[in-house]
Amino acid sequence: MIFYISIKRDLIKTILCIVFFLFFPISSFASQFEVMKVYDGDTIKVKGYGAEIKLRLAGIDAPETFKKKIGLGQRYSQEASEHLARLILNKDIEIDGYGYLKGDLMLGVIFLDGKNINLEMVRAGLAEVNRGESPKDLNLDPFFKAERQSRAEKKGVWIQGDNYVSPKTWRERQRLKSTCAIILFGICEQGEK
């Protein structure tokens, strides 16, 4: 019976936290959370208000890590992850929430001591401005300005010059490689029969 009550309380806390962000997704408030994990240069796990939330940094796109733990991932993905971890891991941050992307992946801008960490990743040259759909209330002008400056100074990923591949393009190429591998495997398997 005690176990049931404990689960019920945790479930209620989680639901309240999610409802809170669903009804107040804009950046009219900031909430305090502790960073528990850095997945890559633009995705983290935070804990606060009795819930753990996976958060995607709004307005930016960092080099991709290889999700299956095999392969190397995109160039500068490790540097981006490590830089973000040095900035925020195990620290209390504020989040300006912008709703949810899919399922349990929240979208937000994070601040540490008043500093916009999403913007800092772009300034460091370890993320580009997200060229996909961004929250309508998020002003990307400072992000584009920071990207132009970090490009001009050849910081981080921008040192690659013309060899730079955006995270979006890299993801598309990885999907294509996977599809080709599956097709090739199927052809080879049929040839053996």
C-alpha atoms as a PDB file:
ATOM      1  CA  MET A   1       0.000   0.000   0.000  1.00  0.00           C
ATOM      2  CA  ILE A   2       2.842   2.420   0.799  1.00  0.00           C
ATOM      3  CA  PHE A   3       4.452   1.626  -2.564  1.00  0.00           C
ATOM      4  CA  TYR A   4       1.190   2.470  -4.351  1.00  0.00           C
ATOM      5  CA  ILE A   5       0.889   5.830  -2.564  1.00  0.00           C
ATOM      6  CA  SER A   6       4.504   6.728  -3.411  1.00  0.00           C
ATOM      7  CA  ILE A   7       3.982   5.992  -7.116  1.00  0.00           C
ATOM      8  CA  LYS A   8       0.701   7.908  -7.112  1.00  0.00           C
ATOM      9  CA  ARG A   9       2.367  10.998  -5.586  1.00  0.00           C
ATOM     10  CA  ASP A  10       5.243  10.889  -8.093  1.00  0.00           C
ATOM     11  CA  LEU A  11       2.782  10.490 -10.948  1.00  0.00           C
ATOM     12  CA  ILE A  12       0.726  13.446  -9.723  1.00  0.00           C
ATOM     13  CA  LYS A  13       3.861  15.628  -9.419  1.00  0.00           C
ATOM     14  CA  THR A  14       4.930  14.690 -12.952  1.00  0.00           C
ATOM     15  CA  ILE A  15       1.483  15.363 -14.393  1.00  0.00           C
ATOM     16  CA  LEU A  16       1.276  18.739 -12.620  1.00  0.00           C
ATOM     17  CA  CYS A  17       4.687  19.736 -13.993  1.00  0.00           C
ATOM     18  CA  ILE A  18       3.710  18.750 -17.550  1.00  0.00           C
ATOM     19  CA  VAL A  19       0.335  20.514 -17.283  1.00  0.00           C
ATOM     20  CA  PHE A  20       2.141  23.596 -15.969  1.00  0.00           C
ATOM     21  CA  PHE A  21       4.325  23.778 -19.090  1.00  0.00           C
ATOM     22  CA  LEU A  22       1.493  22.916 -21.474  1.00  0.00           C
ATOM     23  CA  PHE A  23      -0.677  25.776 -20.264  1.00  0.00           C
ATOM     24  CA  PHE A  24       2.203  28.234 -19.886  1.00  0.00           C
ATOM     25  CA  PRO A  25       4.574  27.307 -22.744  1.00  0.00           C
ATOM     26  CA  ILE A  26       5.731  30.808 -23.582  1.00  0.00           C
ATOM     27  CA  SER A  27       8.652  32.556 -22.044  1.00  0.00           C
ATOM     28  CA  SER A  28       6.609  34.756 -19.745  1.00  0.00           C
ATOM     29  CA  PHE A  29       8.131  32.997 -16.761  1.00  0.00           C
ATOM     30  CA  ALA A  30      11.233  31.029 -15.914  1.00  0.00           C
ATOM     31  CA  SER A  31      11.443  27.891 -13.849  1.00  0.00           C
ATOM     32  CA  GLN A  32      14.347  26.606 -11.783  1.00  0.00           C
ATOM     33  CA  PHE A  33      15.712  23.142 -12.643  1.00  0.00           C
ATOM     34  CA  GLU A  34      18.886  21.164 -11.990  1.00  0.00           C
ATOM     35  CA  VAL A  35      20.701  19.741 -15.026  1.00  0.00           C
ATOM     36  CA  MET A  36      21.042  15.982 -14.520  1.00  0.00           C
ATOM     37  CA  LYS A  37      22.496  14.910 -17.882  1.00  0.00           C
ATOM     38  CA  VAL A  38      23.822  16.355 -21.142  1.00  0.00           C
ATOM     39  CA  TYR A  39      22.898  14.083 -24.048  1.00  0.00           C
ATOM     40  CA  ASP A  40      24.597  16.176 -26.730  1.00  0.00           C
ATOM     41  CA  GLY A  41      25.197  19.819 -27.630  1.00  0.00           C
ATOM     42  CA  ASP A  42      21.506  20.719 -27.722  1.00  0.00           C
ATOM     43  CA  THR A  43      19.648  18.175 -25.565  1.00  0.00           C
ATOM     44  CA  ILE A  44      19.685  17.786 -21.778  1.00  0.00           C
ATOM     45  CA  LYS A  45      17.781  16.179 -18.913  1.00  0.00           C
ATOM     46  CA  VAL A  46      16.629  18.378 -16.053  1.00  0.00           C
ATOM     47  CA  LYS A  47      14.960  17.750 -12.713  1.00  0.00           C
ATOM     48  CA  GLY A  48      12.602  20.077 -10.914  1.00  0.00           C
ATOM     49  CA  TYR A  49       9.165  20.255  -9.334  1.00  0.00           C
ATOM     50  CA  GLY A  50       9.261  16.506  -8.731  1.00  0.00           C
ATOM     51  CA  ALA A  51       9.748  15.590 -12.384  1.00  0.00           C
ATOM     52  CA  GLU A  52      12.548  14.825 -14.810  1.00  0.00           C
ATOM     53  CA  ILE A  53      12.238  16.413 -18.232  1.00  0.00           C
ATOM     54  CA  LYS A  54      14.196  15.926 -21.447  1.00  0.00           C
ATOM     55  CA  LEU A  55      14.787  19.355 -22.978  1.00  0.00           C
ATOM     56  CA  ARG A  56      15.848  20.403 -26.477  1.00  0.00           C
ATOM     57  CA  LEU A  57      17.568  23.805 -26.619  1.00  0.00           C
ATOM     58  CA  ALA A  58      15.370  26.065 -28.763  1.00  0.00           C
ATOM     59  CA  GLY A  59      16.786  27.982 -31.705  1.00  0.00           C
ATOM     60  CA  ILE A  60      20.000  25.982 -32.100  1.00  0.00           C
ATOM     61  CA  ASP A  61      21.229  22.821 -33.796  1.00  0.00           C
ATOM     62  CA  ALA A  62      24.484  21.271 -32.537  1.00  0.00           C
ATOM     63  CA  PRO A  63      26.630  18.615 -34.248  1.00  0.00           C
ATOM     64  CA  GLU A  64      25.048  15.182 -33.946  1.00  0.00           C
ATOM     65  CA  THR A  65      26.350  12.402 -31.753  1.00  0.00           C
ATOM     66  CA  PHE A  66      25.917   8.856 -32.978  1.00  0.00           C
ATOM     67  CA  LYS A  67      22.869   7.587 -31.105  1.00  0.00           C
ATOM     68  CA  LYS A  68      23.665   3.856 -31.238  1.00  0.00           C
ATOM     69  CA  LYS A  69      27.035   4.270 -29.477  1.00  0.00           C
ATOM     70  CA  ILE A  70      28.778   2.861 -32.546  1.00  0.00           C
ATOM     71  CA  GLY A  71      30.541   5.162 -34.922  1.00  0.00           C
ATOM     72  CA  LEU A  72      31.935   8.574 -34.238  1.00  0.00           C
ATOM     73  CA  GLY A  73      29.083  10.952 -34.827  1.00  0.00           C
ATOM     74  CA  GLN A  74      29.505  14.292 -36.517  1.00  0.00           C
ATOM     75  CA  ARG A  75      32.716  16.291 -36.242  1.00  0.00           C
ATOM     76  CA  TYR A  76      32.680  18.550 -33.158  1.00  0.00           C
ATOM     77  CA  SER A  77      29.780  16.641 -31.576  1.00  0.00           C
ATOM     78  CA  GLN A  78      31.942  15.579 -28.643  1.00  0.00           C
ATOM     79  CA  GLU A  79      33.296  19.116 -28.189  1.00  0.00           C
ATOM     80  CA  ALA A  80      29.754  20.547 -28.238  1.00  0.00           C
ATOM     81  CA  SER A  81      28.539  18.018 -25.649  1.00  0.00           C
ATOM     82  CA  GLU A  82      31.531  18.610 -23.385  1.00  0.00           C
ATOM     83  CA  HIS A  83      31.262  22.395 -23.654  1.00  0.00           C
ATOM     84  CA  LEU A  84      27.574  22.333 -22.742  1.00  0.00           C
ATOM     85  CA  ALA A  85      28.302  19.977 -19.826  1.00  0.00           C
ATOM     86  CA  ARG A  86      31.046  22.295 -18.519  1.00  0.00           C
ATOM     87  CA  LEU A  87      28.603  25.198 -18.643  1.00  0.00           C
ATOM     88  CA  ILE A  88      25.557  23.633 -16.965  1.00  0.00           C
ATOM     89  CA  LEU A  89      25.903  20.033 -15.737  1.00  0.00           C
ATOM     90  CA  ASN A  90      24.806  19.642 -12.089  1.00  0.00           C
ATOM     91  CA  LYS A  91      23.922  23.336 -11.921  1.00  0.00           C
ATOM     92  CA  ASP A  92      20.617  25.089 -11.363  1.00  0.00           C
ATOM     93  CA  ILE A  93      19.266  26.721 -14.499  1.00  0.00           C
ATOM     94  CA  GLU A  94      16.176  28.629 -15.496  1.00  0.00           C
ATOM     95  CA  ILE A  95      14.088  27.523 -18.453  1.00  0.00           C
ATOM     96  CA  ASP A  96      11.921  29.648 -20.690  1.00  0.00           C
ATOM     97  CA  GLY A  97       9.618  26.934 -22.009  1.00  0.00           C
ATOM     98  CA  TYR A  98       8.206  26.856 -25.535  1.00  0.00           C
ATOM     99  CA  GLY A  99       6.031  23.748 -25.314  1.00  0.00           C
ATOM    100  CA  TYR A 100       6.822  20.236 -26.470  1.00  0.00           C
ATOM    101  CA  LEU A 101       8.256  18.973 -29.753  1.00  0.00           C
ATOM    102  CA  LYS A 102       7.181  15.355 -29.569  1.00  0.00           C
ATOM    103  CA  GLY A 103       6.051  13.191 -26.726  1.00  0.00           C
ATOM    104  CA  ASP A 104       8.138  14.110 -23.731  1.00  0.00           C
ATOM    105  CA  LEU A 105      10.723  16.367 -25.414  1.00  0.00           C
ATOM    106  CA  MET A 106      10.319  19.921 -24.131  1.00  0.00           C
ATOM    107  CA  LEU A 107      11.631  22.887 -26.109  1.00  0.00           C
ATOM    108  CA  GLY A 108      13.221  25.779 -24.245  1.00  0.00           C
ATOM    109  CA  VAL A 109      15.869  28.427 -23.790  1.00  0.00           C
ATOM    110  CA  ILE A 110      18.057  27.907 -20.750  1.00  0.00           C
ATOM    111  CA  PHE A 111      19.728  30.501 -18.586  1.00  0.00           C
ATOM    112  CA  LEU A 112      22.497  30.203 -16.020  1.00  0.00           C
ATOM    113  CA  ASP A 113      22.988  33.274 -13.845  1.00  0.00           C
ATOM    114  CA  GLY A 114      21.098  35.329 -16.435  1.00  0.00           C
ATOM    115  CA  LYS A 115      23.261  34.150 -19.361  1.00  0.00           C
ATOM    116  CA  ASN A 116      21.456  32.618 -22.369  1.00  0.00           C
ATOM    117  CA  ILE A 117      23.195  29.238 -22.744  1.00  0.00           C
ATOM    118  CA  ASN A 118      21.573  28.475 -26.118  1.00  0.00           C
ATOM    119  CA  LEU A 119      23.135  31.672 -27.459  1.00  0.00           C
ATOM    120  CA  GLU A 120      26.483  30.844 -25.797  1.00  0.00           C
ATOM    121  CA  MET A 121      26.632  27.568 -27.748  1.00  0.00           C
ATOM    122  CA  VAL A 122      26.284  29.515 -31.004  1.00  0.00           C
ATOM    123  CA  ARG A 123      28.865  32.103 -29.881  1.00  0.00           C
ATOM    124  CA  ALA A 124      31.330  29.284 -29.137  1.00  0.00           C
ATOM    125  CA  GLY A 125      30.871  27.962 -32.666  1.00  0.00           C
ATOM    126  CA  LEU A 126      29.511  24.671 -31.326  1.00  0.00           C
ATOM    127  CA  ALA A 127      25.966  25.082 -32.639  1.00  0.00           C
ATOM    128  CA  GLU A 128      24.336  26.803 -35.570  1.00  0.00           C
ATOM    129  CA  VAL A 129      21.000  28.564 -35.679  1.00  0.00           C
ATOM    130  CA  ASN A 130      18.271  25.983 -36.218  1.00  0.00           C
ATOM    131  CA  ARG A 131      17.100  26.325 -39.813  1.00  0.00           C
ATOM    132  CA  GLY A 132      13.961  24.302 -39.094  1.00  0.00           C
ATOM    133  CA  GLU A 133      10.814  25.454 -37.380  1.00  0.00           C
ATOM    134  CA  SER A 134      11.459  27.546 -34.281  1.00  0.00           C
ATOM    135  CA  PRO A 135       8.983  28.878 -31.733  1.00  0.00           C
ATOM    136  CA  LYS A 136       7.233  31.944 -33.124  1.00  0.00           C
ATOM    137  CA  ASP A 137       7.918  33.950 -29.954  1.00  0.00           C
ATOM    138  CA  LEU A 138      11.657  33.248 -30.006  1.00  0.00           C
ATOM    139  CA  ASN A 139      13.693  36.126 -31.449  1.00  0.00           C
ATOM    140  CA  LEU A 140      16.452  34.511 -33.503  1.00  0.00           C
ATOM    141  CA  ASP A 141      18.168  37.791 -34.465  1.00  0.00           C
ATOM    142  CA  PRO A 142      20.794  37.553 -31.675  1.00  0.00           C
ATOM    143  CA  PHE A 143      21.416  33.930 -32.674  1.00  0.00           C
ATOM    144  CA  PHE A 144      22.051  34.835 -36.330  1.00  0.00           C
ATOM    145  CA  LYS A 145      24.328  37.698 -35.254  1.00  0.00           C
ATOM    146  CA  ALA A 146      26.314  35.351 -32.979  1.00  0.00           C
ATOM    147  CA  GLU A 147      26.563  32.776 -35.772  1.00  0.00           C
ATOM    148  CA  ARG A 148      27.907  35.352 -38.248  1.00  0.00           C
ATOM    149  CA  GLN A 149      30.500  36.436 -35.701  1.00  0.00           C
ATOM    150  CA  SER A 150      31.639  32.923 -34.772  1.00  0.00           C
ATOM    151  CA  ARG A 151      31.858  32.067 -38.504  1.00  0.00           C
ATOM    152  CA  ALA A 152      33.989  35.145 -39.158  1.00  0.00           C
ATOM    153  CA  GLU A 153      36.262  34.224 -36.239  1.00  0.00           C
ATOM    154  CA  LYS A 154      36.366  30.552 -37.374  1.00  0.00           C
ATOM    155  CA  LYS A 155      35.339  29.272 -33.951  1.00  0.00           C
ATOM    156  CA  GLY A 156      34.405  25.632 -33.383  1.00  0.00           C
ATOM    157  CA  VAL A 157      32.686  24.013 -36.358  1.00  0.00           C
ATOM    158  CA  TRP A 158      33.359  27.047 -38.551  1.00  0.00           C
ATOM    159  CA  ILE A 159      37.077  26.267 -38.752  1.00  0.00           C
ATOM    160  CA  GLN A 160      36.038  23.616 -41.309  1.00  0.00           C
ATOM    161  CA  GLY A 161      35.179  26.314 -43.846  1.00  0.00           C
ATOM    162  CA  ASP A 162      33.599  24.834 -46.981  1.00  0.00           C
ATOM    163  CA  ASN A 163      33.876  21.319 -45.530  1.00  0.00           C
ATOM    164  CA  TYR A 164      31.334  22.127 -42.811  1.00  0.00           C
ATOM    165  CA  VAL A 165      28.198  19.969 -42.907  1.00  0.00           C
ATOM    166  CA  SER A 166      25.155  21.219 -41.002  1.00  0.00           C
ATOM    167  CA  PRO A 167      23.588  18.855 -38.454  1.00  0.00           C
ATOM    168  CA  LYS A 168      20.418  18.752 -40.561  1.00  0.00           C
ATOM    169  CA  THR A 169      22.330  17.640 -43.671  1.00  0.00           C
ATOM    170  CA  TRP A 170      24.342  15.146 -41.618  1.00  0.00           C
ATOM    171  CA  ARG A 171      21.142  13.574 -40.241  1.00  0.00           C
ATOM    172  CA  GLU A 172      19.698  13.295 -43.764  1.00  0.00           C
ATOM    173  CA  ARG A 173      22.893  11.590 -44.994  1.00  0.00           C
ATOM    174  CA  GLN A 174      22.827   9.142 -42.071  1.00  0.00           C
ATOM    175  CA  ARG A 175      19.212   8.200 -42.836  1.00  0.00           C
ATOM    176  CA  LEU A 176      20.130   7.662 -46.482  1.00  0.00           C
ATOM    177  CA  LYS A 177      23.134   5.498 -45.528  1.00  0.00           C
ATOM    178  CA  SER A 178      20.934   3.408 -43.220  1.00  0.00           C
ATOM    179  CA  THR A 179      18.314   2.943 -45.935  1.00  0.00           C
ATOM    180  CA  CYS A 180      20.969   1.913 -48.472  1.00  0.00           C
ATOM    181  CA  ALA A 181      22.499  -0.537 -45.995  1.00  0.00           C
ATOM    182  CA  ILE A 182      19.105  -2.142 -45.338  1.00  0.00           C
ATOM    183  CA  ILE A 183      18.410  -2.449 -49.058  1.00  0.00           C
ATOM    184  CA  LEU A 184      21.883  -3.866 -49.734  1.00  0.00           C
ATOM    185  CA  PHE A 185      21.510  -6.340 -46.867  1.00  0.00           C
ATOM    186  CA  GLY A 186      18.157  -7.472 -48.278  1.00  0.00           C
ATOM    187  CA  ILE A 187      19.641  -7.948 -51.763  1.00  0.00           C
ATOM    188  CA  CYS A 188      22.603  -9.920 -50.376  1.00  0.00           C
ATOM    189  CA  GLU A 189      20.320 -12.057 -48.235  1.00  0.00           C
ATOM    190  CA  GLN A 190      18.092 -12.896 -51.208  1.00  0.00           C
ATOM    191  CA  GLY A 191      21.166 -13.796 -53.276  1.00  0.00           C
ATOM    192  CA  GLU A 192      22.171 -16.385 -50.698  1.00  0.00           C
ATOM    193  CA  LYS A 193      18.822 -18.193 -50.954  1.00  0.00           C
END
